[in-house]
PDB file of N, CA and C in Angstrom:
ATOM      1  N   MET A   1       1.254  26.638 -22.302  1.00  0.00           N
ATOM      2  CA  MET A   1       1.199  24.880 -21.793  1.00  0.00           C
ATOM      3  C   MET A   1       1.317  24.263 -20.984  1.00  0.00           C
ATOM      4  N   GLN A   2       3.062  24.951 -21.015  1.00  0.00           N
ATOM      5  CA  GLN A   2       3.625  24.077 -19.598  1.00  0.00           C
ATOM      6  C   GLN A   2       3.528  24.835 -18.177  1.00  0.00           C
ATOM      7  N   GLU A   3       2.436  26.142 -18.439  1.00  0.00           N
ATOM      8  CA  GLU A   3       2.633  26.209 -16.838  1.00  0.00           C
ATOM      9  C   GLU A   3       1.197  25.697 -17.192  1.00  0.00           C
ATOM     10  N   LEU A   4       0.598  24.855 -17.415  1.00  0.00           N
ATOM     11  CA  LEU A   4      -0.910  24.531 -16.780  1.00  0.00           C
ATOM     12  C   LEU A   4      -0.574  22.355 -16.525  1.00  0.00           C
ATOM     13  N   LEU A   5       0.686  22.055 -17.771  1.00  0.00           N
ATOM     14  CA  LEU A   5       1.605  20.987 -16.833  1.00  0.00           C
ATOM     15  C   LEU A   5       2.196  20.897 -14.525  1.00  0.00           C
ATOM     16  N   LEU A   6       2.651  22.049 -15.225  1.00  0.00           N
ATOM     17  CA  LEU A   6       3.042  22.795 -13.968  1.00  0.00           C
ATOM     18  C   LEU A   6       2.275  23.089 -12.535  1.00  0.00           C
ATOM     19  N   ALA A   7       1.295  22.951 -13.263  1.00  0.00           N
ATOM     20  CA  ALA A   7      -0.327  23.711 -11.988  1.00  0.00           C
ATOM     21  C   ALA A   7      -0.948  21.976 -12.040  1.00  0.00           C
ATOM     22  N   GLU A   8      -0.726  21.499 -13.007  1.00  0.00           N
ATOM     23  CA  GLU A   8      -1.199  19.977 -12.677  1.00  0.00           C
ATOM     24  C   GLU A   8      -0.652  19.519 -12.286  1.00  0.00           C
ATOM     25  N   LYS A   9       1.304  19.200 -12.175  1.00  0.00           N
ATOM     26  CA  LYS A   9       1.395  18.486 -11.332  1.00  0.00           C
ATOM     27  C   LYS A   9       1.878  19.642  -9.132  1.00  0.00           C
ATOM     28  N   MET A  10       2.160  20.177  -9.814  1.00  0.00           N
ATOM     29  CA  MET A  10       1.739  20.635  -7.931  1.00  0.00           C
ATOM     30  C   MET A  10       0.291  20.775  -7.368  1.00  0.00           C
ATOM     31  N   ALA A  11      -0.649  19.932  -8.160  1.00  0.00           N
ATOM     32  CA  ALA A  11      -1.965  19.812  -7.326  1.00  0.00           C
ATOM     33  C   ALA A  11      -2.098  18.617  -7.062  1.00  0.00           C
ATOM     34  N   ILE A  12      -1.357  17.640  -7.253  1.00  0.00           N
ATOM     35  CA  ILE A  12      -1.156  16.585  -6.738  1.00  0.00           C
ATOM     36  C   ILE A  12      -0.900  16.806  -4.804  1.00  0.00           C
ATOM     37  N   GLN A  13      -1.241  15.506  -4.581  1.00  0.00           N
ATOM     38  CA  GLN A  13      -1.595  15.887  -3.655  1.00  0.00           C
ATOM     39  C   GLN A  13      -0.577  14.893  -2.574  1.00  0.00           C
ATOM     40  N   LYS A  14       0.247  14.438  -1.742  1.00  0.00           N
ATOM     41  CA  LYS A  14       0.986  13.360  -1.238  1.00  0.00           C
ATOM     42  C   LYS A  14       0.935  13.424   0.176  1.00  0.00           C
ATOM     43  N   ILE A  15       1.482  12.098  -0.054  1.00  0.00           N
ATOM     44  CA  ILE A  15       0.991  11.644   1.403  1.00  0.00           C
ATOM     45  C   ILE A  15       2.510  10.753   2.246  1.00  0.00           C
ATOM     46  N   GLN A  16       2.900  11.240   3.084  1.00  0.00           N
ATOM     47  CA  GLN A  16       3.956  10.703   3.500  1.00  0.00           C
ATOM     48  C   GLN A  16       3.954   9.335   4.284  1.00  0.00           C
ATOM     49  N   THR A  17       4.359   8.326   3.515  1.00  0.00           N
ATOM     50  CA  THR A  17       3.955   7.079   4.634  1.00  0.00           C
ATOM     51  C   THR A  17       5.797   6.409   5.289  1.00  0.00           C
ATOM     52  N   LEU A  18       5.000   5.150   6.485  1.00  0.00           N
ATOM     53  CA  LEU A  18       5.528   5.384   6.768  1.00  0.00           C
ATOM     54  C   LEU A  18       6.184   4.113   6.772  1.00  0.00           C
ATOM     55  N   HIS A  19       6.869   3.902   7.463  1.00  0.00           N
ATOM     56  CA  HIS A  19       7.564   2.135   8.117  1.00  0.00           C
ATOM     57  C   HIS A  19       7.929   2.159   8.901  1.00  0.00           C
ATOM     58  N   PRO A  20       8.135   0.809  10.004  1.00  0.00           N
ATOM     59  CA  PRO A  20       7.387  -0.157  10.969  1.00  0.00           C
ATOM     60  C   PRO A  20       8.661   0.266  11.338  1.00  0.00           C
ATOM     61  N   GLN A  21       9.230  -0.401  10.695  1.00  0.00           N
ATOM     62  CA  GLN A  21      11.305  -0.921  11.792  1.00  0.00           C
ATOM     63  C   GLN A  21      11.816   1.028  11.829  1.00  0.00           C
ATOM     64  N   PRO A  22      12.020   1.582  12.924  1.00  0.00           N
ATOM     65  CA  PRO A  22      12.650   2.799  13.118  1.00  0.00           C
ATOM     66  C   PRO A  22      13.793   3.401  11.966  1.00  0.00           C
ATOM     67  N   GLY A  23      14.390   4.115  11.648  1.00  0.00           N
ATOM     68  CA  GLY A  23      15.272   4.017  10.819  1.00  0.00           C
ATOM     69  C   GLY A  23      15.321   4.157   9.502  1.00  0.00           C
ATOM     70  N   LYS A  24      14.513   3.342   8.493  1.00  0.00           N
ATOM     71  CA  LYS A  24      13.927   2.601   7.499  1.00  0.00           C
ATOM     72  C   LYS A  24      14.109   4.463   7.083  1.00  0.00           C
ATOM     73  N   THR A  25      14.016   4.658   4.935  1.00  0.00           N
ATOM     74  CA  THR A  25      12.927   5.820   4.410  1.00  0.00           C
ATOM     75  C   THR A  25      11.959   5.589   4.320  1.00  0.00           C
ATOM     76  N   ASN A  26      10.853   6.636   4.888  1.00  0.00           N
ATOM     77  CA  ASN A  26       9.656   7.070   4.346  1.00  0.00           C
ATOM     78  C   ASN A  26       9.664   7.204   2.851  1.00  0.00           C
ATOM     79  N   LYS A  27       8.499   6.676   2.377  1.00  0.00           N
ATOM     80  CA  LYS A  27       8.038   7.544   0.991  1.00  0.00           C
ATOM     81  C   LYS A  27       7.507   8.508   0.744  1.00  0.00           C
ATOM     82  N   ASN A  28       7.473   9.855   0.350  1.00  0.00           N
ATOM     83  CA  ASN A  28       6.627  10.600  -0.434  1.00  0.00           C
ATOM     84  C   ASN A  28       5.849  10.196  -1.474  1.00  0.00           C
ATOM     85  N   ILE A  29       4.627  10.143  -1.460  1.00  0.00           N
ATOM     86  CA  ILE A  29       4.701   9.193  -2.680  1.00  0.00           C
ATOM     87  C   ILE A  29       1.931   9.445  -3.177  1.00  0.00           C
ATOM     88  N   SER A  30       1.661   9.371  -4.738  1.00  0.00           N
ATOM     89  CA  SER A  30       0.473  10.459  -4.909  1.00  0.00           C
ATOM     90  C   SER A  30      -1.064   9.518  -3.041  1.00  0.00           C
ATOM     91  N   LEU A  31      -1.821  10.402  -2.957  1.00  0.00           N
ATOM     92  CA  LEU A  31      -2.792  10.657  -1.734  1.00  0.00           C
ATOM     93  C   LEU A  31      -3.097   9.467  -2.856  1.00  0.00           C
ATOM     94  N   ASP A  32      -3.632   9.782  -4.267  1.00  0.00           N
ATOM     95  CA  ASP A  32      -4.851   8.558  -4.936  1.00  0.00           C
ATOM     96  C   ASP A  32      -4.427   7.708  -5.204  1.00  0.00           C
ATOM     97  N   LYS A  33      -2.667   7.635  -5.425  1.00  0.00           N
ATOM     98  CA  LYS A  33      -2.749   5.921  -5.727  1.00  0.00           C
ATOM     99  C   LYS A  33      -2.567   5.788  -4.417  1.00  0.00           C
ATOM    100  N   TYR A  34      -2.207   6.229  -3.241  1.00  0.00           N
ATOM    101  CA  TYR A  34      -2.046   5.085  -1.878  1.00  0.00           C
ATOM    102  C   TYR A  34      -3.250   4.795  -1.482  1.00  0.00           C
ATOM    103  N   ASN A  35      -4.091   5.939  -1.860  1.00  0.00           N
ATOM    104  CA  ASN A  35      -5.425   5.415  -1.003  1.00  0.00           C
ATOM    105  C   ASN A  35      -6.375   4.214  -1.981  1.00  0.00           C
ATOM    106  N   PHE A  36      -6.140   4.725  -3.765  1.00  0.00           N
ATOM    107  CA  PHE A  36      -6.594   3.481  -4.047  1.00  0.00           C
ATOM    108  C   PHE A  36      -5.838   2.657  -3.761  1.00  0.00           C
ATOM    109  N   ILE A  37      -4.322   1.785  -3.551  1.00  0.00           N
ATOM    110  CA  ILE A  37      -4.001   0.599  -3.138  1.00  0.00           C
ATOM    111  C   ILE A  37      -4.428  -0.078  -1.882  1.00  0.00           C
ATOM    112  N   ARG A  38      -4.323   1.048  -1.147  1.00  0.00           N
ATOM    113  CA  ARG A  38      -4.725   1.614   0.697  1.00  0.00           C
ATOM    114  C   ARG A  38      -6.020   0.520   0.430  1.00  0.00           C
ATOM    115  N   GLU A  39      -7.134   0.452  -0.356  1.00  0.00           N
ATOM    116  CA  GLU A  39      -8.638   0.307  -0.592  1.00  0.00           C
ATOM    117  C   GLU A  39      -8.708  -0.881  -0.811  1.00  0.00           C
ATOM    118  N   ASN A  40      -7.797  -1.721  -1.817  1.00  0.00           N
ATOM    119  CA  ASN A  40      -7.335  -3.104  -2.451  1.00  0.00           C
ATOM    120  C   ASN A  40      -6.884  -3.900  -1.344  1.00  0.00           C
ATOM    121  N   VAL A  41      -5.879  -3.017  -1.034  1.00  0.00           N
ATOM    122  CA  VAL A  41      -4.632  -4.760   0.084  1.00  0.00           C
ATOM    123  C   VAL A  41      -5.627  -4.469   0.800  1.00  0.00           C
ATOM    124  N   LEU A  42      -5.905  -3.974   1.838  1.00  0.00           N
ATOM    125  CA  LEU A  42      -7.484  -4.266   2.994  1.00  0.00           C
ATOM    126  C   LEU A  42      -8.860  -4.876   1.703  1.00  0.00           C
ATOM    127  N   ALA A  43      -8.861  -5.163   0.936  1.00  0.00           N
ATOM    128  CA  ALA A  43     -10.073  -6.146   0.553  1.00  0.00           C
ATOM    129  C   ALA A  43      -9.862  -6.984   0.709  1.00  0.00           C
ATOM    130  N   VAL A  44      -8.033  -7.413  -0.114  1.00  0.00           N
ATOM    131  CA  VAL A  44      -7.544  -8.513  -0.266  1.00  0.00           C
ATOM    132  C   VAL A  44      -7.059  -9.399   1.451  1.00  0.00           C
ATOM    133  N   LEU A  45      -7.106  -8.695   2.252  1.00  0.00           N
ATOM    134  CA  LEU A  45      -6.547  -9.360   3.223  1.00  0.00           C
ATOM    135  C   LEU A  45      -8.015  -9.259   4.229  1.00  0.00           C
ATOM    136  N   GLY A  46      -9.419  -8.885   3.552  1.00  0.00           N
ATOM    137  CA  GLY A  46      -9.771  -9.001   4.757  1.00  0.00           C
ATOM    138  C   GLY A  46     -10.556 -10.236   4.494  1.00  0.00           C
ATOM    139  N   LYS A  47     -10.214 -10.826   3.330  1.00  0.00           N
ATOM    140  CA  LYS A  47     -10.853 -12.393   3.300  1.00  0.00           C
ATOM    141  C   LYS A  47      -9.966 -13.034   4.192  1.00  0.00           C
ATOM    142  N   LYS A  48      -8.855 -13.190   3.811  1.00  0.00           N
ATOM    143  CA  LYS A  48      -8.351 -14.681   4.635  1.00  0.00           C
ATOM    144  C   LYS A  48      -7.187 -14.017   4.679  1.00  0.00           C
ATOM    145  N   GLU A  49      -5.719 -14.176   5.812  1.00  0.00           N
ATOM    146  CA  GLU A  49      -4.762 -13.974   5.366  1.00  0.00           C
ATOM    147  C   GLU A  49      -4.225 -14.590   4.618  1.00  0.00           C
ATOM    148  N   LEU A  50      -2.885 -13.209   4.375  1.00  0.00           N
ATOM    149  CA  LEU A  50      -1.972 -14.275   3.671  1.00  0.00           C
ATOM    150  C   LEU A  50      -0.551 -13.742   3.443  1.00  0.00           C
ATOM    151  N   THR A  51      -0.069 -15.124   2.950  1.00  0.00           N
ATOM    152  CA  THR A  51       1.887 -14.233   2.685  1.00  0.00           C
ATOM    153  C   THR A  51       2.393 -13.865   1.864  1.00  0.00           C
ATOM    154  N   HIS A  52       2.910 -12.898   2.267  1.00  0.00           N
ATOM    155  CA  HIS A  52       3.707 -11.510   1.192  1.00  0.00           C
ATOM    156  C   HIS A  52       3.625 -12.351   0.008  1.00  0.00           C
ATOM    157  N   PRO A  53       3.889 -13.256  -1.123  1.00  0.00           N
ATOM    158  CA  PRO A  53       4.254 -13.530  -2.421  1.00  0.00           C
ATOM    159  C   PRO A  53       2.264 -13.073  -2.546  1.00  0.00           C
ATOM    160  N   GLU A  54       1.551 -14.625  -1.396  1.00  0.00           N
ATOM    161  CA  GLU A  54       0.117 -14.432  -2.475  1.00  0.00           C
ATOM    162  C   GLU A  54      -0.072 -13.144  -1.981  1.00  0.00           C
ATOM    163  N   LEU A  55      -0.027 -12.255  -0.749  1.00  0.00           N
ATOM    164  CA  LEU A  55      -0.765 -10.861  -0.970  1.00  0.00           C
ATOM    165  C   LEU A  55      -0.036  -9.854  -1.847  1.00  0.00           C
ATOM    166  N   MET A  56       0.858  -9.936  -2.733  1.00  0.00           N
ATOM    167  CA  MET A  56       1.266  -9.077  -3.809  1.00  0.00           C
ATOM    168  C   MET A  56       1.082  -9.430  -5.065  1.00  0.00           C
ATOM    169  N   GLU A  57       0.099 -11.556  -5.278  1.00  0.00           N
ATOM    170  CA  GLU A  57      -0.205 -11.668  -6.328  1.00  0.00           C
ATOM    171  C   GLU A  57      -1.452 -11.334  -6.320  1.00  0.00           C
ATOM    172  N   ALA A  58      -2.095 -11.159  -5.189  1.00  0.00           N
ATOM    173  CA  ALA A  58      -3.822 -10.782  -5.456  1.00  0.00           C
ATOM    174  C   ALA A  58      -3.904  -9.097  -5.777  1.00  0.00           C
ATOM    175  N   LEU A  59      -2.993  -8.991  -5.141  1.00  0.00           N
ATOM    176  CA  LEU A  59      -3.442  -7.523  -5.223  1.00  0.00           C
ATOM    177  C   LEU A  59      -2.773  -7.042  -7.034  1.00  0.00           C
ATOM    178  N   SER A  60      -1.288  -7.229  -7.401  1.00  0.00           N
ATOM    179  CA  SER A  60      -1.265  -7.490  -8.556  1.00  0.00           C
ATOM    180  C   SER A  60      -2.771  -7.468  -9.669  1.00  0.00           C
ATOM    181  N   GLN A  61      -3.876  -8.760  -9.479  1.00  0.00           N
ATOM    182  CA  GLN A  61      -4.029  -9.139 -10.045  1.00  0.00           C
ATOM    183  C   GLN A  61      -5.197  -8.856  -9.942  1.00  0.00           C
ATOM    184  N   ARG A  62      -5.671  -7.950  -9.036  1.00  0.00           N
ATOM    185  CA  ARG A  62      -7.490  -7.227  -8.588  1.00  0.00           C
ATOM    186  C   ARG A  62      -6.871  -6.410  -8.928  1.00  0.00           C
ATOM    187  N   VAL A  63      -6.108  -5.173  -9.251  1.00  0.00           N
ATOM    188  CA  VAL A  63      -5.761  -3.713  -9.503  1.00  0.00           C
ATOM    189  C   VAL A  63      -5.045  -3.635 -11.237  1.00  0.00           C
ATOM    190  N   LYS A  64      -3.986  -4.376 -12.154  1.00  0.00           N
ATOM    191  CA  LYS A  64      -3.487  -4.905 -13.287  1.00  0.00           C
ATOM    192  C   LYS A  64      -3.800  -3.462 -14.177  1.00  0.00           C
ATOM    193  N   ASP A  65      -5.494  -3.525 -14.613  1.00  0.00           N
ATOM    194  CA  ASP A  65      -6.170  -3.072 -15.422  1.00  0.00           C
ATOM    195  C   ASP A  65      -6.407  -1.684 -15.242  1.00  0.00           C
ATOM    196  N   ASN A  66      -6.435  -1.340 -14.007  1.00  0.00           N
ATOM    197  CA  ASN A  66      -6.829   0.482 -13.683  1.00  0.00           C
ATOM    198  C   ASN A  66      -6.132   1.007 -12.637  1.00  0.00           C
ATOM    199  N   PHE A  67      -4.338   0.702 -12.152  1.00  0.00           N
ATOM    200  CA  PHE A  67      -4.104   1.045 -12.219  1.00  0.00           C
ATOM    201  C   PHE A  67      -2.368   2.044 -12.788  1.00  0.00           C
ATOM    202  N   GLU A  68      -2.061   2.542 -12.673  1.00  0.00           N
ATOM    203  CA  GLU A  68      -0.451   3.569 -13.662  1.00  0.00           C
ATOM    204  C   GLU A  68       0.931   3.214 -13.026  1.00  0.00           C
ATOM    205  N   GLY A  69       1.677   2.378 -12.422  1.00  0.00           N
ATOM    206  CA  GLY A  69       3.073   2.210 -12.141  1.00  0.00           C
ATOM    207  C   GLY A  69       2.676   0.619 -11.696  1.00  0.00           C
ATOM    208  N   ASN A  70       3.803   0.614 -10.863  1.00  0.00           N
ATOM    209  CA  ASN A  70       4.419  -0.667 -10.028  1.00  0.00           C
ATOM    210  C   ASN A  70       3.873  -0.802  -8.963  1.00  0.00           C
ATOM    211  N   VAL A  71       2.816  -2.386  -9.507  1.00  0.00           N
ATOM    212  CA  VAL A  71       1.755  -2.281  -8.648  1.00  0.00           C
ATOM    213  C   VAL A  71       2.204  -3.280  -7.555  1.00  0.00           C
ATOM    214  N   LYS A  72       3.108  -4.234  -7.734  1.00  0.00           N
ATOM    215  CA  LYS A  72       3.832  -4.773  -6.344  1.00  0.00           C
ATOM    216  C   LYS A  72       4.771  -3.413  -5.485  1.00  0.00           C
ATOM    217  N   TRP A  73       5.777  -2.627  -6.276  1.00  0.00           N
ATOM    218  CA  TRP A  73       6.055  -1.083  -5.440  1.00  0.00           C
ATOM    219  C   TRP A  73       5.203  -0.881  -4.174  1.00  0.00           C
ATOM    220  N   TYR A  74       3.751  -0.275  -5.073  1.00  0.00           N
ATOM    221  CA  TYR A  74       3.474   1.206  -4.122  1.00  0.00           C
ATOM    222  C   TYR A  74       1.994  -0.218  -3.204  1.00  0.00           C
ATOM    223  N   GLY A  75       2.664  -1.387  -3.768  1.00  0.00           N
ATOM    224  CA  GLY A  75       1.733  -2.802  -2.294  1.00  0.00           C
ATOM    225  C   GLY A  75       2.210  -2.906  -1.531  1.00  0.00           C
ATOM    226  N   GLU A  76       4.623  -2.636  -1.384  1.00  0.00           N
ATOM    227  CA  GLU A  76       5.270  -2.857  -0.493  1.00  0.00           C
ATOM    228  C   GLU A  76       5.315  -1.650   0.171  1.00  0.00           C
ATOM    229  N   THR A  77       5.509  -0.408  -0.542  1.00  0.00           N
ATOM    230  CA  THR A  77       5.338   1.046   0.805  1.00  0.00           C
ATOM    231  C   THR A  77       3.550   1.204   1.357  1.00  0.00           C
ATOM    232  N   VAL A  78       2.762   0.807   0.612  1.00  0.00           N
ATOM    233  CA  VAL A  78       1.714   0.616   1.536  1.00  0.00           C
ATOM    234  C   VAL A  78       1.810  -0.166   1.613  1.00  0.00           C
ATOM    235  N   LYS A  79       1.704  -1.419   2.124  1.00  0.00           N
ATOM    236  CA  LYS A  79       2.243  -2.564   3.078  1.00  0.00           C
ATOM    237  C   LYS A  79       2.611  -1.771   4.936  1.00  0.00           C
ATOM    238  N   LEU A  80       4.211  -1.179   4.382  1.00  0.00           N
ATOM    239  CA  LEU A  80       4.921  -0.657   5.315  1.00  0.00           C
ATOM    240  C   LEU A  80       3.931   0.050   6.182  1.00  0.00           C
ATOM    241  N   ASP A  81       3.563   0.988   5.485  1.00  0.00           N
ATOM    242  CA  ASP A  81       3.049   1.654   5.859  1.00  0.00           C
ATOM    243  C   ASP A  81       2.104   1.182   7.203  1.00  0.00           C
ATOM    244  N   LEU A  82       1.223   0.671   6.196  1.00  0.00           N
ATOM    245  CA  LEU A  82      -0.194  -0.076   6.643  1.00  0.00           C
ATOM    246  C   LEU A  82      -0.039  -0.783   8.511  1.00  0.00           C
ATOM    247  N   GLU A  83       1.579  -1.648   7.431  1.00  0.00           N
ATOM    248  CA  GLU A  83       1.827  -2.261   8.934  1.00  0.00           C
ATOM    249  C   GLU A  83       2.165  -1.006  10.098  1.00  0.00           C
ATOM    250  N   ALA A  84       3.245  -0.001   9.833  1.00  0.00           N
ATOM    251  CA  ALA A  84       3.233   0.981  10.587  1.00  0.00           C
ATOM    252  C   ALA A  84       2.267   2.408  11.421  1.00  0.00           C
ATOM    253  N   ARG A  85       1.083   1.903  10.739  1.00  0.00           N
ATOM    254  CA  ARG A  85      -0.145   2.608  11.358  1.00  0.00           C
ATOM    255  C   ARG A  85       0.044   1.671  12.589  1.00  0.00           C
ATOM    256  N   LYS A  86      -0.304   0.209  12.497  1.00  0.00           N
ATOM    257  CA  LYS A  86      -1.139  -0.673  12.757  1.00  0.00           C
ATOM    258  C   LYS A  86      -2.507  -1.456  12.257  1.00  0.00           C
ATOM    259  N   VAL A  87      -2.705  -1.227  11.041  1.00  0.00           N
ATOM    260  CA  VAL A  87      -3.638  -1.180  10.436  1.00  0.00           C
ATOM    261  C   VAL A  87      -3.483  -3.085   9.828  1.00  0.00           C
ATOM    262  N   ILE A  88      -2.361  -3.072   9.550  1.00  0.00           N
ATOM    263  CA  ILE A  88      -1.786  -4.712   9.444  1.00  0.00           C
ATOM    264  C   ILE A  88      -1.185  -5.216   9.773  1.00  0.00           C
ATOM    265  N   GLU A  89      -0.752  -5.717  10.557  1.00  0.00           N
ATOM    266  CA  GLU A  89       0.198  -6.989  11.165  1.00  0.00           C
ATOM    267  C   GLU A  89       0.826  -8.047  10.368  1.00  0.00           C
ATOM    268  N   ARG A  90       1.556  -8.655  11.264  1.00  0.00           N
ATOM    269  CA  ARG A  90       2.163 -10.340  10.123  1.00  0.00           C
ATOM    270  C   ARG A  90       2.067 -11.378  11.781  1.00  0.00           C
ATOM    271  N   THR A  91       2.151 -11.912  11.738  1.00  0.00           N
ATOM    272  CA  THR A  91       1.559 -13.538  12.377  1.00  0.00           C
ATOM    273  C   THR A  91       2.099 -14.185  12.481  1.00  0.00           C
ATOM    274  N   LYS A  92       2.877 -14.988  13.404  1.00  0.00           N
ATOM    275  CA  LYS A  92       3.895 -15.123  13.967  1.00  0.00           C
ATOM    276  C   LYS A  92       4.214 -16.780  13.135  1.00  0.00           C
ATOM    277  N   THR A  93       3.659 -16.700  13.543  1.00  0.00           N
ATOM    278  CA  THR A  93       3.274 -18.385  11.920  1.00  0.00           C
ATOM    279  C   THR A  93       4.118 -18.680  11.142  1.00  0.00           C
ATOM    280  N   LYS A  94       4.678 -19.387  10.414  1.00  0.00           N
ATOM    281  CA  LYS A  94       5.474 -19.795   9.511  1.00  0.00           C
ATOM    282  C   LYS A  94       5.133 -20.254   8.051  1.00  0.00           C
ATOM    283  N   PRO A  95       4.842 -19.974   7.014  1.00  0.00           N
ATOM    284  CA  PRO A  95       5.303 -18.866   6.822  1.00  0.00           C
ATOM    285  C   PRO A  95       4.670 -16.950   7.314  1.00  0.00           C
ATOM    286  N   GLU A  96       5.271 -16.095   7.848  1.00  0.00           N
ATOM    287  CA  GLU A  96       3.880 -15.321   7.961  1.00  0.00           C
ATOM    288  C   GLU A  96       2.740 -14.833   7.049  1.00  0.00           C
ATOM    289  N   LYS A  97       2.585 -14.559   7.405  1.00  0.00           N
ATOM    290  CA  LYS A  97       0.918 -14.392   6.071  1.00  0.00           C
ATOM    291  C   LYS A  97       0.924 -12.525   7.523  1.00  0.00           C
ATOM    292  N   TYR A  98      -0.432 -12.010   6.232  1.00  0.00           N
ATOM    293  CA  TYR A  98       0.192 -10.824   7.145  1.00  0.00           C
ATOM    294  C   TYR A  98      -1.684 -10.876   7.045  1.00  0.00           C
ATOM    295  N   ARG A  99      -2.404  -9.602   7.956  1.00  0.00           N
ATOM    296  CA  ARG A  99      -3.684 -10.375   8.048  1.00  0.00           C
ATOM    297  C   ARG A  99      -4.490  -8.315   8.622  1.00  0.00           C
ATOM    298  N   VAL A 100      -5.883  -8.552   8.639  1.00  0.00           N
ATOM    299  CA  VAL A 100      -5.864  -7.224   8.963  1.00  0.00           C
ATOM    300  C   VAL A 100      -5.922  -7.027  10.899  1.00  0.00           C
ATOM    301  N   ILE A 101      -5.658  -5.668  11.657  1.00  0.00           N
ATOM    302  CA  ILE A 101      -5.992  -6.517  13.137  1.00  0.00           C
ATOM    303  C   ILE A 101      -7.517  -5.461  13.039  1.00  0.00           C
ATOM    304  N   ALA A 102      -7.912  -6.083  13.223  1.00  0.00           N
ATOM    305  CA  ALA A 102      -9.568  -6.030  13.922  1.00  0.00           C
ATOM    306  C   ALA A 102      -8.996  -5.442  15.578  1.00  0.00           C
ATOM    307  N   SER A 103     -10.217  -3.652  14.983  1.00  0.00           N
ATOM    308  CA  SER A 103     -11.015  -2.967  15.124  1.00  0.00           C
ATOM    309  C   SER A 103     -11.190  -3.061  16.571  1.00  0.00           C
ATOM    310  N   LYS A 104     -11.481  -1.999  17.443  1.00  0.00           N
ATOM    311  CA  LYS A 104     -12.061  -2.047  19.120  1.00  0.00           C
ATOM    312  C   LYS A 104     -12.920  -2.208  19.733  1.00  0.00           C
TER     313      LYS A 104
END
């Protein structure tokens, strides 16, 4: 039984996330969780620009019943990764808002 659990853990694919600020710590997280949160962050931001608290609240409300783990922690980790990969950006407005960068 323990061998089966170990094999399942080893089969979980991971992704090394990026951080938009050089020198900051990157996180190694489940690829499935990354993709799920990424899809939902982009869906929420596809509707309108949101402040950080609005984004985290909308994400939490959207996935709370279908996600195992700390939604806001994963949300923050994936949000930072998407910023580093130039998929989303912060506006220069006050307060700052997040939006999807239009593809060229």
